[in-house]
């Protein structure tokens, strides 16, 4: 249920799926960096920070 809710909440922006079809995608997922962690909507499956391997 939580994953479905995150999908609903984030569906209007980049979800890290790799399509890079929205202008926002180049900002949120430059060069499809999230793909390094696998296929699919990476920002829904894990946090954006984890998907992009960002440090604190």
C-alpha atoms as a PDB file:
ATOM      1  CA  UNK A   1       0.000   0.000   0.000  1.00  0.00           C
ATOM      2  CA  UNK A   2       2.824   2.402   0.836  1.00  0.00           C
ATOM      3  CA  UNK A   3       4.427   1.835  -2.562  1.00  0.00           C
ATOM      4  CA  UNK A   4       1.118   2.519  -4.310  1.00  0.00           C
ATOM      5  CA  UNK A   5       0.705   5.732  -2.318  1.00  0.00           C
ATOM      6  CA  UNK A   6       4.239   6.894  -3.270  1.00  0.00           C
ATOM      7  CA  UNK A   7       3.416   6.155  -6.912  1.00  0.00           C
ATOM      8  CA  UNK A   8       0.259   8.253  -6.680  1.00  0.00           C
ATOM      9  CA  UNK A   9       2.092  11.089  -4.913  1.00  0.00           C
ATOM     10  CA  UNK A  10       4.991  11.186  -7.406  1.00  0.00           C
ATOM     11  CA  UNK A  11       3.255  10.406 -10.685  1.00  0.00           C
ATOM     12  CA  UNK A  12       3.325  14.048 -11.805  1.00  0.00           C
ATOM     13  CA  UNK A  13       7.123  14.158 -11.898  1.00  0.00           C
ATOM     14  CA  UNK A  14      10.209  12.110 -12.544  1.00  0.00           C
ATOM     15  CA  UNK A  15       9.971   8.629 -10.997  1.00  0.00           C
ATOM     16  CA  UNK A  16      13.436   7.531 -12.113  1.00  0.00           C
ATOM     17  CA  UNK A  17      12.209   5.077 -14.742  1.00  0.00           C
ATOM     18  CA  UNK A  18      14.766   6.094 -17.347  1.00  0.00           C
ATOM     19  CA  UNK A  19      12.385   7.419 -20.001  1.00  0.00           C
ATOM     20  CA  UNK A  20      13.685  10.987 -19.464  1.00  0.00           C
ATOM     21  CA  UNK A  21      10.591  12.267 -21.287  1.00  0.00           C
ATOM     22  CA  UNK A  22       9.830  15.123 -18.896  1.00  0.00           C
ATOM     23  CA  UNK A  23      11.980  18.244 -18.661  1.00  0.00           C
ATOM     24  CA  UNK A  24      12.189  17.602 -14.918  1.00  0.00           C
ATOM     25  CA  UNK A  25      13.866  14.228 -15.493  1.00  0.00           C
ATOM     26  CA  UNK A  26      17.150  15.795 -16.579  1.00  0.00           C
ATOM     27  CA  UNK A  27      17.255  17.598 -13.220  1.00  0.00           C
ATOM     28  CA  UNK A  28      16.077  14.772 -10.968  1.00  0.00           C
ATOM     29  CA  UNK A  29      17.781  11.871 -12.777  1.00  0.00           C
ATOM     30  CA  UNK A  30      20.639  13.295 -14.872  1.00  0.00           C
ATOM     31  CA  UNK A  31      21.931  10.821 -17.426  1.00  0.00           C
ATOM     32  CA  UNK A  32      19.592   8.202 -15.908  1.00  0.00           C
ATOM     33  CA  UNK A  33      21.886   7.698 -12.903  1.00  0.00           C
ATOM     34  CA  UNK A  34      19.125   5.809 -11.109  1.00  0.00           C
ATOM     35  CA  UNK A  35      19.417   2.963 -13.655  1.00  0.00           C
ATOM     36  CA  UNK A  36      22.589   1.791 -11.919  1.00  0.00           C
ATOM     37  CA  UNK A  37      20.311   0.316  -9.246  1.00  0.00           C
ATOM     38  CA  UNK A  38      18.094  -1.615 -11.650  1.00  0.00           C
ATOM     39  CA  UNK A  39      15.112  -1.175 -13.920  1.00  0.00           C
ATOM     40  CA  UNK A  40      11.769   0.351 -13.070  1.00  0.00           C
ATOM     41  CA  UNK A  41      10.591   3.430 -11.198  1.00  0.00           C
ATOM     42  CA  UNK A  42      13.619   3.708  -8.904  1.00  0.00           C
ATOM     43  CA  UNK A  43      12.317   6.771  -7.010  1.00  0.00           C
ATOM     44  CA  UNK A  44       9.159   4.854  -6.069  1.00  0.00           C
ATOM     45  CA  UNK A  45      10.902   1.603  -5.142  1.00  0.00           C
ATOM     46  CA  UNK A  46      13.568   3.341  -3.012  1.00  0.00           C
ATOM     47  CA  UNK A  47      14.179   6.961  -2.041  1.00  0.00           C
ATOM     48  CA  UNK A  48      15.629   9.336  -4.632  1.00  0.00           C
ATOM     49  CA  UNK A  49      18.747   9.677  -2.458  1.00  0.00           C
ATOM     50  CA  UNK A  50      19.316   5.914  -2.430  1.00  0.00           C
ATOM     51  CA  UNK A  51      18.524   5.542  -6.153  1.00  0.00           C
ATOM     52  CA  UNK A  52      21.102   8.171  -7.076  1.00  0.00           C
ATOM     53  CA  UNK A  53      23.696   6.938  -4.548  1.00  0.00           C
ATOM     54  CA  UNK A  54      23.907  10.360  -2.909  1.00  0.00           C
ATOM     55  CA  UNK A  55      25.822  10.873   0.325  1.00  0.00           C
ATOM     56  CA  UNK A  56      24.616  12.899   3.313  1.00  0.00           C
END
